Protein backbone atom coordinates (compact mmCIF):
# COMPACT_ATOMS: atom_id res chain seq x y z
CA MET A 1 16.95 25.58 25.35
CA TYR A 2 14.28 23.26 24.63
CA PRO A 3 10.72 22.82 26.19
CA LYS A 4 10.39 20.56 29.53
CA SER A 5 7.97 18.06 28.77
CA SER A 6 6.92 14.99 30.97
CA SER A 7 6.85 12.18 27.61
CA LYS A 8 9.42 12.12 25.16
CA VAL A 9 8.32 11.65 21.87
CA LYS A 10 10.37 9.19 19.18
CA LEU A 11 10.46 10.53 15.79
CA VAL A 12 11.08 8.21 12.87
CA LYS A 13 10.25 8.09 8.68
CA LYS A 14 7.17 8.38 6.85
CA PRO A 15 4.58 5.34 7.53
CA ASP A 16 5.66 2.08 5.40
CA ILE A 17 3.20 1.99 2.28
CA ILE A 18 2.70 -1.07 2.10
CA THR A 19 1.24 -1.51 5.53
CA VAL A 20 -0.72 1.43 5.23
CA ILE A 21 -2.08 0.00 1.73
CA GLU A 22 -2.78 -3.12 2.92
CA ARG A 23 -4.06 -2.16 6.29
CA GLU A 24 -6.50 -0.56 3.88
CA GLY A 25 -7.50 -3.51 2.83
CA VAL A 26 -5.92 -3.76 -0.97
CA ALA A 27 -4.70 -6.69 -1.33
CA LEU A 28 -1.10 -6.29 -3.03
CA LYS A 29 0.28 -9.40 -4.73
CA GLN A 30 4.36 -9.52 -5.64
CA ARG A 31 5.44 -9.35 -9.31
CA GLY A 32 8.64 -8.79 -9.92
CA ASP A 33 10.57 -6.00 -8.08
CA LYS A 34 7.01 -4.38 -7.28
CA LEU A 35 3.56 -5.19 -5.65
CA TRP A 36 0.08 -4.98 -7.74
CA ALA A 37 -3.86 -4.76 -6.85
CA LEU A 38 -6.93 -3.81 -8.91
CA CYS A 39 -6.68 -0.54 -7.76
CA PRO A 40 -9.10 0.75 -4.95
CA PHE A 41 -9.87 4.10 -6.94
CA HIS A 42 -11.59 2.84 -9.98
CA ALA A 43 -13.30 -0.73 -11.04
CA GLU A 44 -11.43 -2.72 -13.11
CA THR A 45 -10.81 -6.40 -14.14
CA ARG A 46 -6.92 -6.72 -14.37
CA PRO A 47 -4.50 -5.09 -11.91
CA SER A 48 -3.16 -1.40 -12.58
CA PHE A 49 -2.23 -0.69 -9.67
CA ASN A 50 1.64 -0.85 -8.71
CA VAL A 51 3.77 -0.34 -5.14
CA SER A 52 7.46 0.53 -5.58
CA VAL A 53 8.29 -0.85 -2.24
CA GLU A 54 12.22 0.46 -2.58
CA LYS A 55 10.85 4.13 -3.67
CA GLN A 56 7.33 4.00 -1.60
CA VAL A 57 5.29 5.38 -3.77
CA PHE A 58 2.08 3.73 -5.90
CA TYR A 59 1.17 4.31 -9.48
CA CYS A 60 -2.36 3.28 -11.20
CA PHE A 61 -1.80 2.51 -15.02
CA GLY A 62 -5.77 3.27 -15.07
CA CYS A 63 -6.34 6.06 -13.64
CA GLN A 64 -3.10 7.93 -13.49
CA VAL A 65 -3.05 8.47 -9.76
CA GLY A 66 0.04 7.94 -8.05
CA GLY A 67 1.60 9.19 -4.48
CA ASP A 68 3.98 8.53 -1.76
CA VAL A 69 1.64 7.22 1.59
CA ILE A 70 0.53 10.54 2.18
CA THR A 71 -1.27 10.94 -0.97
CA PHE A 72 -2.14 7.48 -1.23
CA VAL A 73 -4.30 8.26 2.30
CA MET A 74 -5.57 11.24 1.07
CA THR A 75 -7.41 9.79 -2.47
CA PHE A 76 -8.70 6.69 -0.67
CA LYS A 77 -10.52 7.91 2.40
CA ARG A 78 -11.02 11.61 0.89
CA PHE A 79 -9.17 13.68 3.63
CA SER A 80 -7.40 17.32 2.82
CA TYR A 81 -3.64 17.14 3.83
CA PRO A 82 -3.56 17.81 7.34
CA GLN A 83 -6.65 15.30 8.03
CA ALA A 84 -4.21 12.93 6.04
CA LEU A 85 -1.26 13.87 8.39
CA ARG A 86 -3.07 13.25 11.06
CA TYR A 87 -4.82 10.10 10.62
CA LEU A 88 -0.96 9.07 9.83
CA GLY A 89 0.21 10.38 12.81
CA THR A 90 2.85 12.45 10.81
CA GLY A 91 4.07 16.12 11.13
CA LYS A 92 4.25 18.68 8.84
CA ASN A 93 7.50 17.32 7.44
CA GLY A 94 6.01 13.79 7.56
CA ILE A 95 7.57 12.84 10.22
CA VAL A 96 5.96 10.28 12.47
CA ALA A 97 4.97 11.13 16.16
CA GLY A 98 5.13 8.43 18.63
CA ARG A 99 1.73 8.14 19.46
CA SER A 100 -0.84 8.01 16.14
CA SER A 101 -4.23 9.18 18.05
CA ILE A 102 -7.58 9.16 15.99
CA SER A 103 -9.63 12.40 16.31
CA ARG A 104 -13.15 12.28 16.72
CA GLU A 105 -13.64 13.88 13.78
CA GLN A 106 -11.30 11.31 12.07
CA LYS A 107 -13.67 8.74 13.68
CA LEU A 108 -16.22 10.22 12.71
CA ILE A 109 -15.29 10.43 8.43
CA GLU A 110 -13.99 6.61 8.78
CA GLY A 111 -17.37 5.94 10.02
CA PHE A 112 -19.03 7.56 7.29
CA ARG A 113 -17.47 6.13 4.96
CA GLN A 114 -17.80 2.89 6.13
CA TRP A 115 -21.50 3.12 6.11
CA GLU A 116 -21.06 4.34 2.19
CA LYS A 117 -19.58 1.00 1.53
CA ASP A 118 -21.90 -0.46 3.33
CA TYR A 119 -24.76 1.16 1.78
CA TYR A 120 -23.56 0.92 -0.97
CA THR A 121 -23.07 -3.01 -1.14
CA GLU A 122 -27.20 -3.13 0.35
CA LEU A 123 -28.23 -1.18 -2.61
CA VAL A 124 -26.89 -3.48 -5.35
CA GLU A 125 -27.90 -6.52 -3.30
CA LYS A 126 -31.75 -4.55 -3.18
CA LEU A 127 -31.24 -3.16 -7.00
CA HIS A 128 -30.43 -7.35 -8.04
CA ALA A 129 -33.64 -8.50 -6.03
CA MET A 130 -35.73 -6.31 -7.42
CA MET A 131 -34.80 -6.38 -10.69
CA ASP A 132 -35.12 -10.14 -10.48
CA LEU A 133 -38.80 -9.70 -9.17
CA LYS A 134 -39.35 -7.25 -12.13
CA LYS A 135 -38.70 -9.83 -14.70
CA GLN A 136 -41.49 -12.41 -12.75
CA ILE A 137 -44.22 -9.73 -13.76
CA ALA A 138 -46.16 -11.52 -16.02
CA SER A 139 -49.64 -10.20 -16.65
CA PRO A 140 -51.24 -6.49 -16.24
CA GLU A 141 -52.69 -7.65 -12.54
CA ASP A 142 -49.03 -8.58 -11.61
CA LEU A 143 -48.08 -4.62 -13.06
CA GLU A 144 -50.45 -2.92 -10.97
CA LYS A 145 -49.82 -4.80 -7.58
CA SER A 146 -45.95 -4.17 -8.49
CA THR A 147 -45.77 -0.87 -9.03
CA TRP A 148 -43.62 -0.79 -6.09
CA ILE A 149 -40.69 -2.41 -7.60
CA PHE A 150 -40.64 -0.03 -10.46
CA ASP A 151 -40.34 2.60 -7.56
CA GLY A 152 -38.00 1.11 -5.26
CA ILE A 153 -35.71 0.94 -8.25
CA GLN A 154 -36.02 4.20 -8.92
CA GLN A 155 -35.14 5.32 -5.72
CA THR A 156 -32.45 2.66 -4.85
CA GLU A 157 -30.78 4.11 -8.87
CA TYR A 158 -31.10 7.52 -7.15
CA HIS A 159 -29.40 6.40 -4.32
CA LEU A 160 -26.56 4.88 -5.92
CA ASP A 161 -25.91 7.58 -8.01
CA VAL A 162 -25.02 10.20 -5.79
CA LEU A 163 -23.23 7.52 -4.05
CA ILE A 164 -20.61 6.87 -7.08
CA GLY A 165 -21.01 10.04 -8.10
CA GLY A 166 -21.76 12.62 -5.43
CA ASP A 167 -19.93 15.14 -3.65
CA ASP A 168 -19.71 14.85 0.22
CA GLU A 169 -22.28 16.82 1.25
CA ASP A 170 -24.42 15.17 -1.33
CA LYS A 171 -23.76 11.87 0.59
CA LEU A 172 -24.22 13.43 3.82
CA ASN A 173 -27.65 15.18 2.73
CA LEU A 174 -28.78 11.44 1.83
CA PHE A 175 -27.44 9.81 4.82
CA LYS A 176 -29.39 12.22 6.61
CA GLU A 177 -32.04 11.75 4.73
CA ILE A 178 -32.31 8.09 5.99
CA MET A 179 -31.32 8.11 9.24
CA LYS A 180 -35.18 10.16 9.59
CA HIS A 181 -36.40 7.36 8.18
CA ASP A 182 -34.59 4.51 9.20
CA HIS A 183 -36.04 2.98 11.99
CA ARG A 184 -32.80 1.02 12.73
CA PHE A 185 -31.21 4.02 13.33
CA SER A 186 -34.54 6.06 15.47
CA ARG A 187 -34.14 7.03 19.11
CA LYS A 188 -36.73 4.97 20.93
CA SER A 189 -39.38 7.58 22.87
CA GLU A 190 -39.47 6.41 26.40
């Protein structure tokens, strides 16, 4: 006997890997019977990331990472297996439930990952600007007035190191520290 339910749940197979990969911003291009792109997991100049439409799997020849749609989400979003299943709206057997709701936790994780990308871009632009200013230092007097540039470069490089090589705890601590000092995010006193 099946449990009574007021709502019907439609069951289908795993989400289409191409749809999920493209939704994450990876630009796939057809070449032969596979789709190719620059790998979203490491920096490269020539496409080594390929997706098999027929087999519904991906593989990168550069970093040797491959798998199905769940593995892609786990790697791209840095999710655990259960988080990836919830993100995709799938159950334990890879079955997609008719509704796909994003939990509060998933929204927070996505927001944090977006902050990582945005802050990285901001830091790279800031570093380039400070390097340009550093090149303009022509005299000892300029050097004395410009010590803030060297401090800024050092701090920016440290933040980039955390974003690139730090674990999630390091990144969260960096985020909290920035939120304390960034007036854009401080609460206004009444």
